[in-house]
């Protein structure tokens, strides 16, 4: 078990070495993975918006439209099949 707090041992007579550094490192790794997941979700959502607009369904709100334009400035639309590994 990794924790940012020391684990009491020997009836609070001494504490084991804190695993806070390891916890922080793992937290950093998880944050990087979360960023990748959110980037993939943004790509998928922008593709869904393209499909929705192709069928002339409802338009986006102003805030959603601005977010869409920002996402599209980073991830171009999928016109044909291509590897997406470099875009993550």
PDB file of N, CA and C in Angstrom:
ATOM      1  N   UNK A   1       0.842  -1.180   0.000  1.00  0.00           N
ATOM      2  CA  UNK A   1       0.000   0.000   0.000  1.00  0.00           C
ATOM      3  C   UNK A   1       0.885   1.240   0.000  1.00  0.00           C
ATOM      4  N   UNK A   2       0.588   2.167  -0.869  1.00  0.00           N
ATOM      5  CA  UNK A   2       1.347   3.403  -0.965  1.00  0.00           C
ATOM      6  C   UNK A   2       0.486   4.526  -0.422  1.00  0.00           C
ATOM      7  N   UNK A   3       1.077   5.336   0.416  1.00  0.00           N
ATOM      8  CA  UNK A   3       0.337   6.414   1.047  1.00  0.00           C
ATOM      9  C   UNK A   3       1.236   7.626   1.187  1.00  0.00           C
ATOM     10  N   UNK A   4       0.638   8.804   1.318  1.00  0.00           N
ATOM     11  CA  UNK A   4       1.430  10.012   1.527  1.00  0.00           C
ATOM     12  C   UNK A   4       1.730  10.210   3.003  1.00  0.00           C
ATOM     13  N   UNK A   5       1.182   9.360   3.847  1.00  0.00           N
ATOM     14  CA  UNK A   5       1.410   9.458   5.282  1.00  0.00           C
ATOM     15  C   UNK A   5       2.281   8.303   5.759  1.00  0.00           C
ATOM     16  N   UNK A   6       2.994   8.522   6.855  1.00  0.00           N
ATOM     17  CA  UNK A   6       3.790   7.443   7.441  1.00  0.00           C
ATOM     18  C   UNK A   6       2.863   6.428   8.099  1.00  0.00           C
ATOM     19  N   UNK A   7       3.260   5.187   8.057  1.00  0.00           N
ATOM     20  CA  UNK A   7       2.496   4.130   8.700  1.00  0.00           C
ATOM     21  C   UNK A   7       3.064   3.870  10.090  1.00  0.00           C
ATOM     22  N   UNK A   8       2.239   3.982  11.083  1.00  0.00           N
ATOM     23  CA  UNK A   8       2.712   3.760  12.452  1.00  0.00           C
ATOM     24  C   UNK A   8       3.026   2.288  12.680  1.00  0.00           C
ATOM     25  N   UNK A   9       4.119   2.041  13.349  1.00  0.00           N
ATOM     26  CA  UNK A   9       4.498   0.673  13.705  1.00  0.00           C
ATOM     27  C   UNK A   9       4.978   0.671  15.144  1.00  0.00           C
ATOM     28  N   UNK A  10       5.070  -0.493  15.730  1.00  0.00           N
ATOM     29  CA  UNK A  10       5.608  -0.651  17.071  1.00  0.00           C
ATOM     30  C   UNK A  10       4.909   0.274  18.076  1.00  0.00           C
ATOM     31  N   UNK A  11       3.584   0.308  18.003  1.00  0.00           N
ATOM     32  CA  UNK A  11       2.771   1.090  18.947  1.00  0.00           C
ATOM     33  C   UNK A  11       3.176   2.571  18.965  1.00  0.00           C
ATOM     34  N   UNK A  12       3.336   3.156  17.791  1.00  0.00           N
ATOM     35  CA  UNK A  12       3.711   4.567  17.610  1.00  0.00           C
ATOM     36  C   UNK A  12       5.093   4.902  18.176  1.00  0.00           C
ATOM     37  N   UNK A  13       5.929   3.903  18.417  1.00  0.00           N
ATOM     38  CA  UNK A  13       7.275   4.143  18.921  1.00  0.00           C
ATOM     39  C   UNK A  13       8.202   4.628  17.808  1.00  0.00           C
ATOM     40  N   UNK A  14       7.990   4.155  16.603  1.00  0.00           N
ATOM     41  CA  UNK A  14       8.798   4.580  15.459  1.00  0.00           C
ATOM     42  C   UNK A  14       7.932   4.523  14.203  1.00  0.00           C
ATOM     43  N   UNK A  15       8.308   5.266  13.219  1.00  0.00           N
ATOM     44  CA  UNK A  15       7.581   5.271  11.953  1.00  0.00           C
ATOM     45  C   UNK A  15       8.459   4.700  10.859  1.00  0.00           C
ATOM     46  N   UNK A  16       7.813   3.987   9.952  1.00  0.00           N
ATOM     47  CA  UNK A  16       8.530   3.484   8.782  1.00  0.00           C
ATOM     48  C   UNK A  16       8.785   4.650   7.832  1.00  0.00           C
ATOM     49  N   UNK A  17       9.693   4.460   6.894  1.00  0.00           N
ATOM     50  CA  UNK A  17      10.005   5.497   5.910  1.00  0.00           C
ATOM     51  C   UNK A  17       8.741   5.813   5.113  1.00  0.00           C
ATOM     52  N   UNK A  18       8.477   7.086   4.960  1.00  0.00           N
ATOM     53  CA  UNK A  18       7.289   7.509   4.243  1.00  0.00           C
ATOM     54  C   UNK A  18       7.349   7.088   2.779  1.00  0.00           C
ATOM     55  N   UNK A  19       6.222   6.699   2.258  1.00  0.00           N
ATOM     56  CA  UNK A  19       6.126   6.352   0.844  1.00  0.00           C
ATOM     57  C   UNK A  19       5.530   7.505   0.046  1.00  0.00           C
ATOM     58  N   UNK A  20       5.615   8.710   0.598  1.00  0.00           N
ATOM     59  CA  UNK A  20       5.048   9.888  -0.059  1.00  0.00           C
ATOM     60  C   UNK A  20       5.656  10.168  -1.417  1.00  0.00           C
ATOM     61  N   UNK A  21       6.969   9.973  -1.555  1.00  0.00           N
ATOM     62  CA  UNK A  21       7.619  10.219  -2.840  1.00  0.00           C
ATOM     63  C   UNK A  21       7.101   9.260  -3.898  1.00  0.00           C
ATOM     64  N   UNK A  22       6.970   7.995  -3.534  1.00  0.00           N
ATOM     65  CA  UNK A  22       6.435   7.010  -4.473  1.00  0.00           C
ATOM     66  C   UNK A  22       4.988   7.331  -4.832  1.00  0.00           C
ATOM     67  N   UNK A  23       4.210   7.782  -3.865  1.00  0.00           N
ATOM     68  CA  UNK A  23       2.818   8.162  -4.125  1.00  0.00           C
ATOM     69  C   UNK A  23       2.754   9.328  -5.097  1.00  0.00           C
ATOM     70  N   UNK A  24       3.622  10.317  -4.890  1.00  0.00           N
ATOM     71  CA  UNK A  24       3.646  11.478  -5.786  1.00  0.00           C
ATOM     72  C   UNK A  24       4.034  11.064  -7.203  1.00  0.00           C
ATOM     73  N   UNK A  25       5.003  10.162  -7.334  1.00  0.00           N
ATOM     74  CA  UNK A  25       5.429   9.691  -8.648  1.00  0.00           C
ATOM     75  C   UNK A  25       4.297   8.957  -9.357  1.00  0.00           C
ATOM     76  N   UNK A  26       3.612   8.100  -8.625  1.00  0.00           N
ATOM     77  CA  UNK A  26       2.486   7.372  -9.228  1.00  0.00           C
ATOM     78  C   UNK A  26       1.347   8.323  -9.590  1.00  0.00           C
ATOM     79  N   UNK A  27       1.132   9.320  -8.748  1.00  0.00           N
ATOM     80  CA  UNK A  27       0.115  10.320  -9.061  1.00  0.00           C
ATOM     81  C   UNK A  27       0.448  11.077 -10.338  1.00  0.00           C
ATOM     82  N   UNK A  28       1.715  11.373 -10.524  1.00  0.00           N
ATOM     83  CA  UNK A  28       2.158  12.056 -11.750  1.00  0.00           C
ATOM     84  C   UNK A  28       1.908  11.178 -12.970  1.00  0.00           C
ATOM     85  N   UNK A  29       2.220   9.894 -12.860  1.00  0.00           N
ATOM     86  CA  UNK A  29       1.977   8.972 -13.965  1.00  0.00           C
ATOM     87  C   UNK A  29       0.488   8.866 -14.281  1.00  0.00           C
ATOM     88  N   UNK A  30      -0.339   8.801 -13.241  1.00  0.00           N
ATOM     89  CA  UNK A  30      -1.782   8.711 -13.451  1.00  0.00           C
ATOM     90  C   UNK A  30      -2.330   9.974 -14.099  1.00  0.00           C
ATOM     91  N   UNK A  31      -1.778  11.126 -13.723  1.00  0.00           N
ATOM     92  CA  UNK A  31      -2.211  12.390 -14.315  1.00  0.00           C
ATOM     93  C   UNK A  31      -1.886  12.406 -15.807  1.00  0.00           C
ATOM     94  N   UNK A  32      -0.700  11.914 -16.177  1.00  0.00           N
ATOM     95  CA  UNK A  32      -0.326  11.854 -17.590  1.00  0.00           C
ATOM     96  C   UNK A  32      -1.264  10.914 -18.356  1.00  0.00           C
ATOM     97  N   UNK A  33      -1.617   9.792 -17.752  1.00  0.00           N
ATOM     98  CA  UNK A  33      -2.543   8.865 -18.398  1.00  0.00           C
ATOM     99  C   UNK A  33      -3.930   9.489 -18.527  1.00  0.00           C
ATOM    100  N   UNK A  34      -4.362  10.208 -17.516  1.00  0.00           N
ATOM    101  CA  UNK A  34      -5.656  10.890 -17.577  1.00  0.00           C
ATOM    102  C   UNK A  34      -5.666  11.908 -18.707  1.00  0.00           C
ATOM    103  N   UNK A  35      -4.570  12.643 -18.872  1.00  0.00           N
ATOM    104  CA  UNK A  35      -4.477  13.623 -19.952  1.00  0.00           C
ATOM    105  C   UNK A  35      -4.630  12.936 -21.305  1.00  0.00           C
ATOM    106  N   UNK A  36      -4.016  11.773 -21.470  1.00  0.00           N
ATOM    107  CA  UNK A  36      -4.142  11.023 -22.721  1.00  0.00           C
ATOM    108  C   UNK A  36      -5.578  10.568 -22.953  1.00  0.00           C
ATOM    109  N   UNK A  37      -6.223  10.101 -21.907  1.00  0.00           N
ATOM    110  CA  UNK A  37      -7.620   9.662 -22.016  1.00  0.00           C
ATOM    111  C   UNK A  37      -8.521  10.824 -22.418  1.00  0.00           C
ATOM    112  N   UNK A  38      -8.316  11.981 -21.801  1.00  0.00           N
ATOM    113  CA  UNK A  38      -9.137  13.144 -22.132  1.00  0.00           C
ATOM    114  C   UNK A  38      -8.875  13.629 -23.554  1.00  0.00           C
ATOM    115  N   UNK A  39      -7.632  13.525 -24.025  1.00  0.00           N
ATOM    116  CA  UNK A  39      -7.314  13.905 -25.401  1.00  0.00           C
ATOM    117  C   UNK A  39      -8.014  12.983 -26.389  1.00  0.00           C
ATOM    118  N   UNK A  40      -8.016  11.692 -26.103  1.00  0.00           N
ATOM    119  CA  UNK A  40      -8.710  10.732 -26.965  1.00  0.00           C
ATOM    120  C   UNK A  40     -10.207  11.018 -26.965  1.00  0.00           C
ATOM    121  N   UNK A  41     -10.757  11.320 -25.798  1.00  0.00           N
ATOM    122  CA  UNK A  41     -12.184  11.625 -25.716  1.00  0.00           C
ATOM    123  C   UNK A  41     -12.511  12.885 -26.520  1.00  0.00           C
ATOM    124  N   UNK A  42     -11.637  13.887 -26.480  1.00  0.00           N
ATOM    125  CA  UNK A  42     -11.862  15.107 -27.258  1.00  0.00           C
ATOM    126  C   UNK A  42     -11.853  14.805 -28.753  1.00  0.00           C
ATOM    127  N   UNK A  43     -10.950  13.917 -29.185  1.00  0.00           N
ATOM    128  CA  UNK A  43     -10.900  13.529 -30.593  1.00  0.00           C
ATOM    129  C   UNK A  43     -12.193  12.831 -31.008  1.00  0.00           C
ATOM    130  N   UNK A  44     -12.650  11.916 -30.181  1.00  0.00           N
ATOM    131  CA  UNK A  44     -13.869  11.169 -30.493  1.00  0.00           C
ATOM    132  C   UNK A  44     -15.085  12.098 -30.520  1.00  0.00           C
ATOM    133  N   UNK A  45     -15.169  12.988 -29.551  1.00  0.00           N
ATOM    134  CA  UNK A  45     -16.303  13.915 -29.506  1.00  0.00           C
ATOM    135  C   UNK A  45     -16.315  14.851 -30.708  1.00  0.00           C
ATOM    136  N   UNK A  46     -15.140  15.299 -31.139  1.00  0.00           N
ATOM    137  CA  UNK A  46     -15.105  16.182 -32.299  1.00  0.00           C
ATOM    138  C   UNK A  46     -15.536  15.438 -33.565  1.00  0.00           C
ATOM    139  N   UNK A  47     -15.188  14.164 -33.665  1.00  0.00           N
ATOM    140  CA  UNK A  47     -15.660  13.359 -34.792  1.00  0.00           C
ATOM    141  C   UNK A  47     -17.177  13.183 -34.729  1.00  0.00           C
ATOM    142  N   UNK A  48     -17.711  12.988 -33.540  1.00  0.00           N
ATOM    143  CA  UNK A  48     -19.161  12.850 -33.379  1.00  0.00           C
ATOM    144  C   UNK A  48     -19.874  14.145 -33.778  1.00  0.00           C
ATOM    145  N   UNK A  49     -19.276  15.269 -33.428  1.00  0.00           N
ATOM    146  CA  UNK A  49     -19.865  16.562 -33.817  1.00  0.00           C
ATOM    147  C   UNK A  49     -19.883  16.693 -35.338  1.00  0.00           C
ATOM    148  N   UNK A  50     -18.788  16.273 -35.985  1.00  0.00           N
ATOM    149  CA  UNK A  50     -18.751  16.320 -37.451  1.00  0.00           C
ATOM    150  C   UNK A  50     -19.861  15.467 -38.058  1.00  0.00           C
ATOM    151  N   UNK A  51     -20.060  14.265 -37.514  1.00  0.00           N
ATOM    152  CA  UNK A  51     -21.116  13.391 -38.018  1.00  0.00           C
ATOM    153  C   UNK A  51     -22.495  13.995 -37.789  1.00  0.00           C
ATOM    154  N   UNK A  52     -22.665  14.594 -36.650  1.00  0.00           N
ATOM    155  CA  UNK A  52     -23.955  15.207 -36.307  1.00  0.00           C
ATOM    156  C   UNK A  52     -24.261  16.384 -37.233  1.00  0.00           C
ATOM    157  N   UNK A  53     -23.244  17.202 -37.499  1.00  0.00           N
ATOM    158  CA  UNK A  53     -23.459  18.357 -38.371  1.00  0.00           C
ATOM    159  C   UNK A  53     -23.644  17.937 -39.823  1.00  0.00           C
ATOM    160  N   UNK A  54     -23.065  16.800 -40.209  1.00  0.00           N
ATOM    161  CA  UNK A  54     -23.239  16.296 -41.569  1.00  0.00           C
ATOM    162  C   UNK A  54     -24.694  15.920 -41.832  1.00  0.00           C
ATOM    163  N   UNK A  55     -25.407  15.545 -40.792  1.00  0.00           N
ATOM    164  CA  UNK A  55     -26.816  15.173 -40.925  1.00  0.00           C
ATOM    165  C   UNK A  55     -27.748  16.322 -40.570  1.00  0.00           C
ATOM    166  N   UNK A  56     -27.192  17.521 -40.504  1.00  0.00           N
ATOM    167  CA  UNK A  56     -27.962  18.747 -40.275  1.00  0.00           C
ATOM    168  C   UNK A  56     -28.786  18.705 -38.998  1.00  0.00           C
ATOM    169  N   UNK A  57     -28.204  18.146 -37.956  1.00  0.00           N
ATOM    170  CA  UNK A  57     -28.893  18.160 -36.674  1.00  0.00           C
ATOM    171  C   UNK A  57     -28.577  19.465 -35.956  1.00  0.00           C
ATOM    172  N   UNK A  58     -29.047  19.606 -34.740  1.00  0.00           N
ATOM    173  CA  UNK A  58     -28.913  20.859 -34.004  1.00  0.00           C
ATOM    174  C   UNK A  58     -27.499  21.406 -33.987  1.00  0.00           C
ATOM    175  N   UNK A  59     -27.394  22.735 -33.916  1.00  0.00           N
ATOM    176  CA  UNK A  59     -26.092  23.396 -33.891  1.00  0.00           C
ATOM    177  C   UNK A  59     -25.533  23.400 -32.467  1.00  0.00           C
ATOM    178  N   UNK A  60     -24.245  23.710 -32.366  1.00  0.00           N
ATOM    179  CA  UNK A  60     -23.576  23.777 -31.065  1.00  0.00           C
ATOM    180  C   UNK A  60     -23.802  25.132 -30.411  1.00  0.00           C
ATOM    181  N   UNK A  61     -23.698  25.148 -29.096  1.00  0.00           N
ATOM    182  CA  UNK A  61     -23.747  26.416 -28.383  1.00  0.00           C
ATOM    183  C   UNK A  61     -22.463  27.187 -28.657  1.00  0.00           C
ATOM    184  N   UNK A  62     -22.404  28.430 -28.261  1.00  0.00           N
ATOM    185  CA  UNK A  62     -21.227  29.263 -28.497  1.00  0.00           C
ATOM    186  C   UNK A  62     -19.982  28.682 -27.814  1.00  0.00           C
ATOM    187  N   UNK A  63     -20.135  28.289 -26.558  1.00  0.00           N
ATOM    188  CA  UNK A  63     -18.998  27.738 -25.816  1.00  0.00           C
ATOM    189  C   UNK A  63     -18.549  26.409 -26.421  1.00  0.00           C
ATOM    190  N   UNK A  64     -19.493  25.554 -26.773  1.00  0.00           N
ATOM    191  CA  UNK A  64     -19.146  24.274 -27.387  1.00  0.00           C
ATOM    192  C   UNK A  64     -18.479  24.485 -28.741  1.00  0.00           C
ATOM    193  N   UNK A  65     -18.958  25.453 -29.487  1.00  0.00           N
ATOM    194  CA  UNK A  65     -18.384  25.758 -30.786  1.00  0.00           C
ATOM    195  C   UNK A  65     -16.941  26.235 -30.659  1.00  0.00           C
ATOM    196  N   UNK A  66     -16.668  27.066 -29.665  1.00  0.00           N
ATOM    197  CA  UNK A  66     -15.302  27.541 -29.433  1.00  0.00           C
ATOM    198  C   UNK A  66     -14.388  26.389 -29.022  1.00  0.00           C
ATOM    199  N   UNK A  67     -14.898  25.504 -28.166  1.00  0.00           N
ATOM    200  CA  UNK A  67     -14.118  24.336 -27.751  1.00  0.00           C
ATOM    201  C   UNK A  67     -13.834  23.430 -28.943  1.00  0.00           C
ATOM    202  N   UNK A  68     -14.843  23.242 -29.777  1.00  0.00           N
ATOM    203  CA  UNK A  68     -14.681  22.413 -30.973  1.00  0.00           C
ATOM    204  C   UNK A  68     -13.600  22.982 -31.891  1.00  0.00           C
ATOM    205  N   UNK A  69     -13.629  24.283 -32.113  1.00  0.00           N
ATOM    206  CA  UNK A  69     -12.619  24.915 -32.970  1.00  0.00           C
ATOM    207  C   UNK A  69     -11.221  24.757 -32.389  1.00  0.00           C
ATOM    208  N   UNK A  70     -11.101  24.866 -31.081  1.00  0.00           N
ATOM    209  CA  UNK A  70      -9.791  24.692 -30.435  1.00  0.00           C
ATOM    210  C   UNK A  70      -9.290  23.255 -30.582  1.00  0.00           C
ATOM    211  N   UNK A  71     -10.191  22.294 -30.386  1.00  0.00           N
ATOM    212  CA  UNK A  71      -9.816  20.887 -30.555  1.00  0.00           C
ATOM    213  C   UNK A  71      -9.396  20.620 -31.996  1.00  0.00           C
ATOM    214  N   UNK A  72     -10.149  21.160 -32.944  1.00  0.00           N
ATOM    215  CA  UNK A  72      -9.853  20.944 -34.357  1.00  0.00           C
ATOM    216  C   UNK A  72      -8.560  21.632 -34.793  1.00  0.00           C
ATOM    217  N   UNK A  73      -8.129  22.654 -34.077  1.00  0.00           N
ATOM    218  CA  UNK A  73      -6.847  23.279 -34.412  1.00  0.00           C
ATOM    219  C   UNK A  73      -5.682  22.348 -34.052  1.00  0.00           C
ATOM    220  N   UNK A  74      -5.934  21.402 -33.157  1.00  0.00           N
ATOM    221  CA  UNK A  74      -4.906  20.437 -32.744  1.00  0.00           C
ATOM    222  C   UNK A  74      -5.084  19.113 -33.484  1.00  0.00           C
ATOM    223  N   UNK A  75      -6.323  18.626 -33.567  1.00  0.00           N
ATOM    224  CA  UNK A  75      -6.634  17.349 -34.201  1.00  0.00           C
ATOM    225  C   UNK A  75      -7.469  17.594 -35.453  1.00  0.00           C
ATOM    226  N   UNK A  76      -6.875  17.466 -36.626  1.00  0.00           N
ATOM    227  CA  UNK A  76      -7.665  17.666 -37.847  1.00  0.00           C
ATOM    228  C   UNK A  76      -8.708  16.560 -38.017  1.00  0.00           C
ATOM    229  N   UNK A  77      -9.767  16.850 -38.770  1.00  0.00           N
ATOM    230  CA  UNK A  77     -10.804  15.834 -38.985  1.00  0.00           C
ATOM    231  C   UNK A  77     -10.246  14.598 -39.692  1.00  0.00           C
ATOM    232  N   UNK A  78     -10.881  13.469 -39.433  1.00  0.00           N
ATOM    233  CA  UNK A  78     -10.498  12.215 -40.086  1.00  0.00           C
ATOM    234  C   UNK A  78     -11.188  12.144 -41.443  1.00  0.00           C
ATOM    235  N   UNK A  79     -10.437  12.439 -42.480  1.00  0.00           N
ATOM    236  CA  UNK A  79     -10.978  12.345 -43.844  1.00  0.00           C
ATOM    237  C   UNK A  79     -10.773  10.933 -44.402  1.00  0.00           C
ATOM    238  N   UNK A  80      -9.692  10.291 -43.947  1.00  0.00           N
ATOM    239  CA  UNK A  80      -9.403   8.913 -44.345  1.00  0.00           C
ATOM    240  C   UNK A  80      -8.722   8.237 -43.165  1.00  0.00           C
ATOM    241  N   UNK A  81      -8.602   6.950 -43.241  1.00  0.00           N
ATOM    242  CA  UNK A  81      -8.000   6.181 -42.160  1.00  0.00           C
ATOM    243  C   UNK A  81      -6.518   6.549 -42.024  1.00  0.00           C
ATOM    244  N   UNK A  82      -6.081   6.847 -40.779  1.00  0.00           N
ATOM    245  CA  UNK A  82      -4.686   7.162 -40.524  1.00  0.00           C
ATOM    246  C   UNK A  82      -4.331   6.780 -39.102  1.00  0.00           C
ATOM    247  N   UNK A  83      -3.045   6.622 -38.848  1.00  0.00           N
ATOM    248  CA  UNK A  83      -2.584   6.300 -37.491  1.00  0.00           C
ATOM    249  C   UNK A  83      -2.734   7.539 -36.613  1.00  0.00           C
ATOM    250  N   UNK A  84      -3.297   7.365 -35.429  1.00  0.00           N
ATOM    251  CA  UNK A  84      -3.513   8.491 -34.526  1.00  0.00           C
ATOM    252  C   UNK A  84      -2.515   8.526 -33.381  1.00  0.00           C
ATOM    253  N   UNK A  85      -1.527   7.640 -33.386  1.00  0.00           N
ATOM    254  CA  UNK A  85      -0.610   7.539 -32.254  1.00  0.00           C
ATOM    255  C   UNK A  85       0.197   8.812 -32.041  1.00  0.00           C
ATOM    256  N   UNK A  86       0.578   9.511 -33.089  1.00  0.00           N
ATOM    257  CA  UNK A  86       1.364  10.729 -32.957  1.00  0.00           C
ATOM    258  C   UNK A  86       0.533  11.912 -32.460  1.00  0.00           C
ATOM    259  N   UNK A  87      -0.771  11.807 -32.505  1.00  0.00           N
ATOM    260  CA  UNK A  87      -1.645  12.913 -32.116  1.00  0.00           C
ATOM    261  C   UNK A  87      -1.986  12.897 -30.644  1.00  0.00           C
ATOM    262  N   UNK A  88      -1.566  11.882 -29.922  1.00  0.00           N
ATOM    263  CA  UNK A  88      -1.902  11.779 -28.518  1.00  0.00           C
ATOM    264  C   UNK A  88      -0.893  12.511 -27.677  1.00  0.00           C
TER     265      UNK A  88
END
